[in-house]
Amino acid sequence: MATSAENGFSLIEVLVSIFILAVGVVGAAAMQLSALRTAQQSAFQTTAAHLALEMAEAMLATPVGAHANPYLGLDYQATGHPAAATHHCYGKDTACDAKELAGFEIQNFLERLTRELPDARVRICQDAQPWDEAARQYRWDCRHSSNAAIAIKLAWARQESATHSEAMNIKPLFVLMLALPAK
């Protein structure tokens, strides 16, 4: 007749199988977390592209002179919510000159940037070389020259737990280059 040890599993076998199952569950959870972070950064990249394209369209649509372009020189670090626009330029009963329209567009852009990207920063300038080959990343400073293209540089915190000093030191993650229209 068979003994009871032959009819079941030993305690060691049960513990080993539980350990293997736990390792598999932890691994699956880690992969899921990594996928969620990647999806979030992809969404931020898409949002940055949309915001930069909207700003580029606003810049091209607003008739301002190149020497007094209010868009150039914009350097903004989101530290909260920017003040609401005091003057609205949309609607049939509004009248805005080019400078007021540009200010209104910039204010709307900054409000959306602050709302949609964590610890966002933007810089718009003429830049002949936004890529730093030695550091293999984009740079915030602008290498201005007379025929340099306009660069819209955007960055955001890559992790929600970033400290304020870490958020201030992030490099541009998205750069949109605009060719200057021929004169």
N, C-alpha and C. Protein backbone atom coordinates (compact mmCIF):
# COMPACT_ATOMS: atom_id res chain seq x y z
N MET A 1 0.82 -1.18 0.00
CA MET A 1 0.00 0.00 0.00
C MET A 1 0.87 1.26 0.00
N ALA A 2 0.44 2.33 -0.67
CA ALA A 2 1.21 3.57 -0.79
C ALA A 2 1.13 4.39 0.48
N THR A 3 2.20 5.09 0.76
CA THR A 3 2.21 5.99 1.93
C THR A 3 1.63 7.33 1.54
N SER A 4 1.30 8.14 2.55
CA SER A 4 0.67 9.44 2.29
C SER A 4 1.63 10.42 1.61
N ALA A 5 2.93 10.25 1.75
CA ALA A 5 3.90 11.14 1.11
C ALA A 5 3.87 10.99 -0.40
N GLU A 6 3.46 9.84 -0.88
CA GLU A 6 3.40 9.63 -2.31
C GLU A 6 2.16 10.23 -2.93
N ASN A 7 1.17 10.60 -2.16
CA ASN A 7 -0.10 11.12 -2.69
C ASN A 7 -0.17 12.64 -2.77
N GLY A 8 0.79 13.39 -2.24
CA GLY A 8 0.70 14.85 -2.21
C GLY A 8 2.03 15.51 -2.51
N PHE A 9 2.07 16.79 -2.22
CA PHE A 9 3.28 17.58 -2.43
C PHE A 9 3.95 17.83 -1.09
N SER A 10 5.25 17.95 -1.13
CA SER A 10 5.95 18.29 0.11
C SER A 10 5.89 19.79 0.32
N LEU A 11 6.17 20.21 1.52
CA LEU A 11 6.15 21.63 1.85
C LEU A 11 7.18 22.40 1.02
N ILE A 12 8.32 21.82 0.77
CA ILE A 12 9.36 22.45 -0.04
C ILE A 12 8.85 22.70 -1.46
N GLU A 13 8.21 21.72 -2.05
CA GLU A 13 7.68 21.89 -3.41
C GLU A 13 6.64 23.01 -3.47
N VAL A 14 5.81 23.10 -2.48
CA VAL A 14 4.79 24.16 -2.43
C VAL A 14 5.45 25.53 -2.30
N LEU A 15 6.44 25.66 -1.44
CA LEU A 15 7.13 26.93 -1.24
C LEU A 15 7.88 27.37 -2.51
N VAL A 16 8.52 26.44 -3.18
CA VAL A 16 9.23 26.76 -4.42
C VAL A 16 8.25 27.23 -5.49
N SER A 17 7.12 26.57 -5.61
CA SER A 17 6.14 26.97 -6.63
C SER A 17 5.54 28.35 -6.29
N ILE A 18 5.31 28.63 -5.00
CA ILE A 18 4.80 29.95 -4.62
C ILE A 18 5.84 31.03 -4.91
N PHE A 19 7.12 30.74 -4.65
CA PHE A 19 8.19 31.69 -4.94
C PHE A 19 8.26 32.00 -6.45
N ILE A 20 8.20 30.96 -7.26
CA ILE A 20 8.25 31.16 -8.72
C ILE A 20 7.05 31.97 -9.19
N LEU A 21 5.89 31.69 -8.67
CA LEU A 21 4.69 32.45 -9.01
C LEU A 21 4.83 33.92 -8.58
N ALA A 22 5.38 34.17 -7.39
CA ALA A 22 5.56 35.53 -6.89
C ALA A 22 6.54 36.31 -7.77
N VAL A 23 7.63 35.68 -8.18
CA VAL A 23 8.60 36.34 -9.07
C VAL A 23 7.93 36.71 -10.39
N GLY A 24 7.12 35.83 -10.92
CA GLY A 24 6.41 36.12 -12.17
C GLY A 24 5.43 37.28 -12.02
N VAL A 25 4.70 37.32 -10.91
CA VAL A 25 3.74 38.40 -10.68
C VAL A 25 4.46 39.73 -10.51
N VAL A 26 5.56 39.75 -9.75
CA VAL A 26 6.33 40.99 -9.56
C VAL A 26 6.92 41.46 -10.90
N GLY A 27 7.42 40.54 -11.69
CA GLY A 27 7.95 40.90 -13.01
C GLY A 27 6.89 41.48 -13.92
N ALA A 28 5.71 40.89 -13.91
CA ALA A 28 4.61 41.42 -14.73
C ALA A 28 4.18 42.80 -14.26
N ALA A 29 4.16 43.00 -12.93
CA ALA A 29 3.80 44.32 -12.39
C ALA A 29 4.84 45.36 -12.77
N ALA A 30 6.12 45.00 -12.74
CA ALA A 30 7.19 45.94 -13.13
C ALA A 30 7.08 46.31 -14.61
N MET A 31 6.78 45.34 -15.45
CA MET A 31 6.61 45.63 -16.88
C MET A 31 5.42 46.55 -17.11
N GLN A 32 4.35 46.34 -16.37
CA GLN A 32 3.16 47.19 -16.50
C GLN A 32 3.47 48.62 -16.08
N LEU A 33 4.21 48.78 -14.99
CA LEU A 33 4.60 50.11 -14.53
C LEU A 33 5.48 50.81 -15.55
N SER A 34 6.42 50.07 -16.12
CA SER A 34 7.28 50.63 -17.15
C SER A 34 6.47 51.04 -18.38
N ALA A 35 5.51 50.24 -18.76
CA ALA A 35 4.66 50.58 -19.91
C ALA A 35 3.83 51.83 -19.63
N LEU A 36 3.33 51.97 -18.41
CA LEU A 36 2.56 53.17 -18.06
C LEU A 36 3.42 54.43 -18.11
N ARG A 37 4.66 54.34 -17.60
CA ARG A 37 5.57 55.49 -17.66
C ARG A 37 5.91 55.86 -19.10
N THR A 38 6.15 54.87 -19.91
CA THR A 38 6.46 55.12 -21.32
C THR A 38 5.26 55.77 -22.02
N ALA A 39 4.07 55.29 -21.75
CA ALA A 39 2.86 55.87 -22.34
C ALA A 39 2.68 57.31 -21.88
N GLN A 40 2.96 57.60 -20.62
CA GLN A 40 2.82 58.97 -20.11
C GLN A 40 3.82 59.90 -20.80
N GLN A 41 5.07 59.47 -20.94
CA GLN A 41 6.06 60.31 -21.60
C GLN A 41 5.73 60.49 -23.08
N SER A 42 5.18 59.47 -23.69
CA SER A 42 4.74 59.59 -25.08
C SER A 42 3.61 60.61 -25.21
N ALA A 43 2.70 60.60 -24.25
CA ALA A 43 1.61 61.58 -24.25
C ALA A 43 2.15 62.99 -24.05
N PHE A 44 3.15 63.15 -23.17
CA PHE A 44 3.76 64.47 -22.97
C PHE A 44 4.47 64.93 -24.24
N GLN A 45 5.14 64.01 -24.93
CA GLN A 45 5.83 64.35 -26.18
C GLN A 45 4.82 64.80 -27.23
N THR A 46 3.71 64.11 -27.33
CA THR A 46 2.66 64.50 -28.27
C THR A 46 2.07 65.85 -27.91
N THR A 47 1.82 66.08 -26.63
CA THR A 47 1.30 67.37 -26.17
C THR A 47 2.29 68.48 -26.50
N ALA A 48 3.57 68.24 -26.26
CA ALA A 48 4.60 69.25 -26.57
C ALA A 48 4.61 69.56 -28.06
N ALA A 49 4.48 68.54 -28.89
CA ALA A 49 4.46 68.76 -30.34
C ALA A 49 3.25 69.61 -30.74
N HIS A 50 2.09 69.31 -30.18
CA HIS A 50 0.89 70.09 -30.50
C HIS A 50 1.03 71.53 -30.04
N LEU A 51 1.53 71.74 -28.83
CA LEU A 51 1.70 73.10 -28.32
C LEU A 51 2.70 73.89 -29.16
N ALA A 52 3.81 73.25 -29.51
CA ALA A 52 4.81 73.93 -30.33
C ALA A 52 4.26 74.27 -31.72
N LEU A 53 3.51 73.36 -32.31
CA LEU A 53 2.93 73.64 -33.63
C LEU A 53 1.90 74.76 -33.56
N GLU A 54 1.10 74.77 -32.49
CA GLU A 54 0.12 75.85 -32.34
C GLU A 54 0.81 77.19 -32.17
N MET A 55 1.92 77.22 -31.40
CA MET A 55 2.67 78.47 -31.24
C MET A 55 3.29 78.88 -32.57
N ALA A 56 3.81 77.93 -33.32
CA ALA A 56 4.39 78.25 -34.63
C ALA A 56 3.34 78.84 -35.56
N GLU A 57 2.15 78.27 -35.56
CA GLU A 57 1.07 78.81 -36.39
C GLU A 57 0.68 80.22 -35.95
N ALA A 58 0.63 80.44 -34.65
CA ALA A 58 0.31 81.78 -34.14
C ALA A 58 1.39 82.78 -34.54
N MET A 59 2.64 82.35 -34.48
CA MET A 59 3.75 83.24 -34.85
C MET A 59 3.68 83.60 -36.33
N LEU A 60 3.37 82.62 -37.16
CA LEU A 60 3.31 82.89 -38.60
C LEU A 60 2.07 83.70 -38.98
N ALA A 61 1.00 83.58 -38.20
CA ALA A 61 -0.24 84.28 -38.51
C ALA A 61 -0.27 85.72 -38.00
N THR A 62 0.56 86.03 -37.01
CA THR A 62 0.56 87.36 -36.43
C THR A 62 1.55 88.24 -37.18
N PRO A 63 1.07 89.33 -37.76
CA PRO A 63 1.94 90.20 -38.57
C PRO A 63 2.78 91.12 -37.69
N VAL A 64 3.95 90.63 -37.24
CA VAL A 64 4.87 91.45 -36.46
C VAL A 64 6.18 91.56 -37.20
N GLY A 65 6.87 92.63 -36.98
CA GLY A 65 8.17 92.82 -37.61
C GLY A 65 9.22 91.93 -36.98
N ALA A 66 10.21 91.54 -37.75
CA ALA A 66 11.25 90.64 -37.25
C ALA A 66 12.09 91.32 -36.16
N HIS A 67 12.27 92.64 -36.24
CA HIS A 67 13.10 93.34 -35.26
C HIS A 67 12.38 93.53 -33.92
N ALA A 68 11.06 93.48 -33.92
CA ALA A 68 10.29 93.67 -32.69
C ALA A 68 9.35 92.49 -32.46
N ASN A 69 9.81 91.30 -32.77
CA ASN A 69 8.97 90.12 -32.64
C ASN A 69 8.80 89.77 -31.15
N PRO A 70 7.58 89.89 -30.61
CA PRO A 70 7.38 89.64 -29.18
C PRO A 70 7.51 88.16 -28.81
N TYR A 71 7.48 87.28 -29.78
CA TYR A 71 7.63 85.85 -29.49
C TYR A 71 9.08 85.50 -29.19
N LEU A 72 10.00 86.15 -29.89
CA LEU A 72 11.42 85.86 -29.70
C LEU A 72 11.86 86.34 -28.31
N GLY A 73 12.66 85.56 -27.69
CA GLY A 73 13.14 85.91 -26.36
C GLY A 73 12.26 85.38 -25.25
N LEU A 74 11.16 84.70 -25.60
CA LEU A 74 10.30 84.12 -24.57
C LEU A 74 11.08 83.01 -23.86
N ASP A 75 11.20 83.13 -22.56
CA ASP A 75 11.86 82.11 -21.73
C ASP A 75 11.02 82.00 -20.47
N TYR A 76 10.28 80.91 -20.35
CA TYR A 76 9.31 80.75 -19.28
C TYR A 76 9.49 79.42 -18.59
N GLN A 77 9.53 79.45 -17.26
CA GLN A 77 9.57 78.25 -16.43
C GLN A 77 8.29 78.22 -15.62
N ALA A 78 7.49 77.17 -15.78
CA ALA A 78 6.23 77.07 -15.06
C ALA A 78 6.50 76.82 -13.58
N THR A 79 6.02 77.72 -12.75
CA THR A 79 6.16 77.56 -11.30
C THR A 79 4.79 77.61 -10.65
N GLY A 80 3.78 77.53 -11.41
CA GLY A 80 2.40 77.63 -10.94
C GLY A 80 1.56 77.99 -12.14
N HIS A 81 0.57 78.80 -11.94
CA HIS A 81 -0.26 79.22 -13.06
C HIS A 81 0.05 80.67 -13.41
N PRO A 82 0.29 80.96 -14.69
CA PRO A 82 0.53 82.34 -15.08
C PRO A 82 -0.76 83.16 -14.91
N ALA A 83 -0.58 84.44 -14.78
CA ALA A 83 -1.74 85.33 -14.63
C ALA A 83 -2.62 85.22 -15.87
N ALA A 84 -3.91 85.31 -15.65
CA ALA A 84 -4.86 85.23 -16.76
C ALA A 84 -4.71 86.45 -17.67
N ALA A 85 -4.99 86.25 -18.93
CA ALA A 85 -4.90 87.34 -19.89
C ALA A 85 -5.90 88.44 -19.51
N THR A 86 -5.43 89.66 -19.56
CA THR A 86 -6.30 90.77 -19.20
C THR A 86 -7.10 91.27 -20.38
N HIS A 87 -6.65 90.98 -21.58
CA HIS A 87 -7.34 91.46 -22.77
C HIS A 87 -7.55 90.27 -23.71
N HIS A 88 -8.77 90.11 -24.17
CA HIS A 88 -9.07 89.01 -25.08
C HIS A 88 -9.13 89.56 -26.50
N CYS A 89 -8.56 88.79 -27.40
CA CYS A 89 -8.50 89.23 -28.79
C CYS A 89 -9.38 88.39 -29.72
N TYR A 90 -10.25 87.58 -29.16
CA TYR A 90 -11.15 86.79 -29.98
C TYR A 90 -12.56 87.35 -29.85
N GLY A 91 -13.30 87.27 -30.91
CA GLY A 91 -14.68 87.72 -30.89
C GLY A 91 -14.88 88.89 -31.83
N LYS A 92 -16.12 89.13 -32.18
CA LYS A 92 -16.41 90.18 -33.16
C LYS A 92 -16.32 91.58 -32.58
N ASP A 93 -16.41 91.71 -31.25
CA ASP A 93 -16.40 93.03 -30.63
C ASP A 93 -15.04 93.41 -30.07
N THR A 94 -13.99 92.72 -30.46
CA THR A 94 -12.66 93.04 -29.95
C THR A 94 -11.80 93.59 -31.08
N ALA A 95 -10.90 94.43 -30.70
CA ALA A 95 -9.96 95.00 -31.66
C ALA A 95 -8.57 94.95 -31.04
N CYS A 96 -7.70 94.18 -31.64
CA CYS A 96 -6.33 94.05 -31.14
C CYS A 96 -5.36 94.37 -32.26
N ASP A 97 -4.31 95.11 -31.91
CA ASP A 97 -3.25 95.30 -32.90
C ASP A 97 -2.34 94.07 -32.85
N ALA A 98 -1.34 94.03 -33.70
CA ALA A 98 -0.48 92.84 -33.81
C ALA A 98 0.25 92.55 -32.50
N LYS A 99 0.70 93.58 -31.80
CA LYS A 99 1.42 93.38 -30.55
C LYS A 99 0.49 92.82 -29.47
N GLU A 100 -0.73 93.34 -29.37
CA GLU A 100 -1.69 92.83 -28.39
C GLU A 100 -2.09 91.39 -28.72
N LEU A 101 -2.28 91.10 -30.00
CA LEU A 101 -2.63 89.73 -30.41
C LEU A 101 -1.50 88.76 -30.05
N ALA A 102 -0.26 89.17 -30.30
CA ALA A 102 0.88 88.31 -29.95
C ALA A 102 0.93 88.08 -28.44
N GLY A 103 0.72 89.12 -27.65
CA GLY A 103 0.71 88.97 -26.20
C GLY A 103 -0.40 88.05 -25.73
N PHE A 104 -1.56 88.17 -26.36
CA PHE A 104 -2.69 87.30 -26.03
C PHE A 104 -2.39 85.85 -26.37
N GLU A 105 -1.81 85.61 -27.54
CA GLU A 105 -1.45 84.25 -27.96
C GLU A 105 -0.39 83.66 -27.03
N ILE A 106 0.59 84.46 -26.65
CA ILE A 106 1.64 83.98 -25.74
C ILE A 106 1.03 83.61 -24.40
N GLN A 107 0.14 84.45 -23.88
CA GLN A 107 -0.49 84.17 -22.58
C GLN A 107 -1.31 82.88 -22.63
N ASN A 108 -2.08 82.69 -23.69
CA ASN A 108 -2.85 81.45 -23.84
C ASN A 108 -1.93 80.23 -23.93
N PHE A 109 -0.84 80.37 -24.66
CA PHE A 109 0.14 79.30 -24.79
C PHE A 109 0.73 78.93 -23.43
N LEU A 110 1.12 79.94 -22.65
CA LEU A 110 1.73 79.68 -21.34
C LEU A 110 0.74 79.04 -20.37
N GLU A 111 -0.52 79.44 -20.44
CA GLU A 111 -1.54 78.82 -19.59
C GLU A 111 -1.70 77.34 -19.92
N ARG A 112 -1.76 77.01 -21.21
CA ARG A 112 -1.89 75.61 -21.62
C ARG A 112 -0.64 74.81 -21.28
N LEU A 113 0.51 75.41 -21.48
CA LEU A 113 1.78 74.76 -21.18
C LEU A 113 1.84 74.39 -19.70
N THR A 114 1.48 75.33 -18.84
CA THR A 114 1.49 75.10 -17.39
C THR A 114 0.49 74.02 -17.00
N ARG A 115 -0.64 74.02 -17.64
CA ARG A 115 -1.71 73.07 -17.31
C ARG A 115 -1.42 71.66 -17.83
N GLU A 116 -0.77 71.54 -18.99
CA GLU A 116 -0.68 70.24 -19.66
C GLU A 116 0.65 69.51 -19.53
N LEU A 117 1.71 70.23 -19.14
CA LEU A 117 3.01 69.58 -18.98
C LEU A 117 3.55 69.87 -17.57
N PRO A 118 4.03 68.85 -16.85
CA PRO A 118 4.51 69.08 -15.49
C PRO A 118 5.84 69.83 -15.47
N ASP A 119 5.90 70.88 -14.65
CA ASP A 119 7.12 71.69 -14.50
C ASP A 119 7.70 72.07 -15.86
N ALA A 120 6.85 72.57 -16.74
CA ALA A 120 7.25 72.86 -18.11
C ALA A 120 8.15 74.08 -18.20
N ARG A 121 8.97 74.07 -19.23
CA ARG A 121 9.78 75.24 -19.57
C ARG A 121 9.73 75.40 -21.08
N VAL A 122 9.73 76.65 -21.52
CA VAL A 122 9.74 76.95 -22.96
C VAL A 122 10.72 78.09 -23.21
N ARG A 123 11.36 78.03 -24.33
CA ARG A 123 12.21 79.14 -24.80
C ARG A 123 12.02 79.24 -26.30
N ILE A 124 11.79 80.47 -26.77
CA ILE A 124 11.66 80.73 -28.20
C ILE A 124 12.73 81.74 -28.56
N CYS A 125 13.57 81.37 -29.52
CA CYS A 125 14.66 82.26 -29.91
C CYS A 125 15.15 81.87 -31.30
N GLN A 126 15.99 82.72 -31.85
CA GLN A 126 16.66 82.35 -33.09
C GLN A 126 17.89 81.56 -32.70
N ASP A 127 18.06 80.39 -33.29
CA ASP A 127 19.15 79.51 -32.90
C ASP A 127 19.71 78.82 -34.13
N ALA A 128 20.99 79.03 -34.37
CA ALA A 128 21.63 78.41 -35.52
C ALA A 128 22.02 76.96 -35.24
N GLN A 129 22.15 76.60 -33.94
CA GLN A 129 22.58 75.24 -33.62
C GLN A 129 22.02 74.83 -32.25
N PRO A 130 20.78 74.31 -32.20
CA PRO A 130 20.19 73.93 -30.91
C PRO A 130 20.74 72.63 -30.33
N TRP A 131 21.38 71.80 -31.15
CA TRP A 131 21.88 70.51 -30.69
C TRP A 131 23.34 70.64 -30.25
N ASP A 132 23.64 70.17 -29.05
CA ASP A 132 25.00 70.14 -28.53
C ASP A 132 25.55 68.74 -28.78
N GLU A 133 26.41 68.64 -29.79
CA GLU A 133 26.93 67.33 -30.19
C GLU A 133 27.78 66.70 -29.10
N ALA A 134 28.56 67.49 -28.39
CA ALA A 134 29.44 66.95 -27.34
C ALA A 134 28.61 66.34 -26.20
N ALA A 135 27.54 67.02 -25.79
CA ALA A 135 26.70 66.52 -24.70
C ALA A 135 25.61 65.58 -25.20
N ARG A 136 25.41 65.53 -26.51
CA ARG A 136 24.39 64.69 -27.16
C ARG A 136 22.99 64.99 -26.63
N GLN A 137 22.67 66.29 -26.57
CA GLN A 137 21.36 66.75 -26.13
C GLN A 137 21.14 68.17 -26.63
N TYR A 138 19.88 68.60 -26.59
CA TYR A 138 19.57 69.98 -26.94
C TYR A 138 20.02 70.89 -25.82
N ARG A 139 20.23 72.16 -26.16
CA ARG A 139 20.64 73.14 -25.15
C ARG A 139 19.66 74.30 -25.11
N TRP A 140 19.62 74.97 -23.96
CA TRP A 140 18.72 76.12 -23.79
C TRP A 140 19.29 77.39 -24.42
N ASP A 141 20.59 77.58 -24.33
CA ASP A 141 21.15 78.82 -24.88
C ASP A 141 21.01 78.84 -26.39
N CYS A 142 20.98 80.03 -26.94
CA CYS A 142 20.72 80.19 -28.37
C CYS A 142 21.95 80.74 -29.07
N ARG A 143 22.30 80.11 -30.16
CA ARG A 143 23.42 80.55 -31.00
C ARG A 143 22.84 81.42 -32.12
N HIS A 144 22.61 82.67 -31.80
CA HIS A 144 21.93 83.59 -32.73
C HIS A 144 22.86 84.00 -33.87
N SER A 145 22.32 83.99 -35.05
CA SER A 145 22.98 84.56 -36.22
C SER A 145 21.90 85.20 -37.08
N SER A 146 22.30 86.00 -38.04
CA SER A 146 21.33 86.78 -38.82
C SER A 146 20.33 85.90 -39.57
N ASN A 147 20.74 84.73 -40.05
CA ASN A 147 19.84 83.86 -40.80
C ASN A 147 19.41 82.63 -40.02
N ALA A 148 19.55 82.65 -38.70
CA ALA A 148 19.21 81.48 -37.89
C ALA A 148 17.71 81.26 -37.88
N ALA A 149 17.34 80.01 -37.83
CA ALA A 149 15.93 79.65 -37.76
C ALA A 149 15.41 79.93 -36.34
N ILE A 150 14.09 80.01 -36.24
CA ILE A 150 13.47 80.19 -34.93
C ILE A 150 13.28 78.81 -34.30
N ALA A 151 13.69 78.69 -33.04
CA ALA A 151 13.57 77.42 -32.32
C ALA A 151 12.56 77.59 -31.20
N ILE A 152 11.63 76.66 -31.12
CA ILE A 152 10.70 76.57 -29.99
C ILE A 152 11.17 75.36 -29.19
N LYS A 153 11.72 75.62 -28.00
CA LYS A 153 12.31 74.57 -27.18
C LYS A 153 11.40 74.32 -25.98
N LEU A 154 11.07 73.06 -25.75
CA LEU A 154 10.19 72.69 -24.65
C LEU A 154 10.82 71.58 -23.81
N ALA A 155 10.52 71.62 -22.51
CA ALA A 155 10.94 70.57 -21.59
C ALA A 155 9.89 70.43 -20.51
N TRP A 156 9.90 69.29 -19.86
CA TRP A 156 8.98 69.03 -18.76
C TRP A 156 9.66 68.01 -17.84
N ALA A 157 9.14 67.91 -16.63
CA ALA A 157 9.69 66.95 -15.67
C ALA A 157 9.41 65.54 -16.17
N ARG A 158 10.42 64.72 -16.17
CA ARG A 158 10.26 63.34 -16.63
C ARG A 158 9.65 62.45 -15.57
N GLN A 159 9.64 62.92 -14.34
CA GLN A 159 9.02 62.16 -13.26
C GLN A 159 8.32 63.13 -12.32
N GLU A 160 7.19 62.70 -11.80
CA GLU A 160 6.40 63.58 -10.95
C GLU A 160 7.08 63.89 -9.63
N SER A 161 8.00 63.06 -9.18
CA SER A 161 8.66 63.28 -7.91
C SER A 161 9.88 64.18 -8.02
N ALA A 162 10.09 64.77 -9.19
CA ALA A 162 11.25 65.64 -9.37
C ALA A 162 11.15 66.85 -8.45
N THR A 163 12.29 67.20 -7.86
CA THR A 163 12.32 68.38 -7.01
C THR A 163 12.33 69.62 -7.89
N HIS A 164 12.10 70.78 -7.28
CA HIS A 164 12.08 72.02 -8.05
C HIS A 164 13.44 72.28 -8.70
N SER A 165 14.54 72.01 -7.99
CA SER A 165 15.86 72.24 -8.57
C SER A 165 16.12 71.27 -9.73
N GLU A 166 15.65 70.02 -9.62
CA GLU A 166 15.78 69.07 -10.73
C GLU A 166 14.97 69.53 -11.93
N ALA A 167 13.77 70.05 -11.67
CA ALA A 167 12.91 70.53 -12.75
C ALA A 167 13.52 71.74 -13.44
N MET A 168 14.23 72.57 -12.69
CA MET A 168 14.86 73.76 -13.27
C MET A 168 16.04 73.39 -14.16
N ASN A 169 16.67 72.24 -13.93
CA ASN A 169 17.88 71.87 -14.65
C ASN A 169 17.64 70.91 -15.81
N ILE A 170 16.40 70.63 -16.16
CA ILE A 170 16.15 69.72 -17.26
C ILE A 170 16.53 70.37 -18.59
N LYS A 171 16.98 69.56 -19.50
CA LYS A 171 17.35 70.03 -20.83
C LYS A 171 16.13 69.95 -21.74
N PRO A 172 16.14 70.70 -22.85
CA PRO A 172 15.01 70.62 -23.78
C PRO A 172 14.80 69.19 -24.27
N LEU A 173 13.55 68.77 -24.25
CA LEU A 173 13.19 67.43 -24.69
C LEU A 173 12.55 67.45 -26.08
N PHE A 174 12.07 68.62 -26.48
CA PHE A 174 11.41 68.77 -27.78
C PHE A 174 11.81 70.12 -28.36
N VAL A 175 12.26 70.12 -29.61
CA VAL A 175 12.64 71.37 -30.29
C VAL A 175 12.00 71.37 -31.66
N LEU A 176 11.28 72.45 -31.95
CA LEU A 176 10.69 72.65 -33.27
C LEU A 176 11.40 73.83 -33.92
N MET A 177 11.96 73.58 -35.09
CA MET A 177 12.69 74.63 -35.82
C MET A 177 11.79 75.19 -36.92
N LEU A 178 11.74 76.52 -36.99
CA LEU A 178 10.95 77.20 -38.01
C LEU A 178 11.87 78.02 -38.90
N ALA A 179 11.76 77.85 -40.18
CA ALA A 179 12.55 78.66 -41.10
C ALA A 179 11.93 80.05 -41.16
N LEU A 180 12.78 81.05 -41.20
CA LEU A 180 12.27 82.42 -41.32
C LEU A 180 11.75 82.64 -42.73
N PRO A 181 10.61 83.34 -42.85
CA PRO A 181 10.09 83.61 -44.18
C PRO A 181 11.04 84.52 -44.96
N ALA A 182 11.11 84.30 -46.25
CA ALA A 182 11.97 85.14 -47.11
C ALA A 182 11.44 86.56 -47.11
N LYS A 183 12.36 87.51 -47.11
CA LYS A 183 11.96 88.93 -47.09
C LYS A 183 11.87 89.48 -48.49
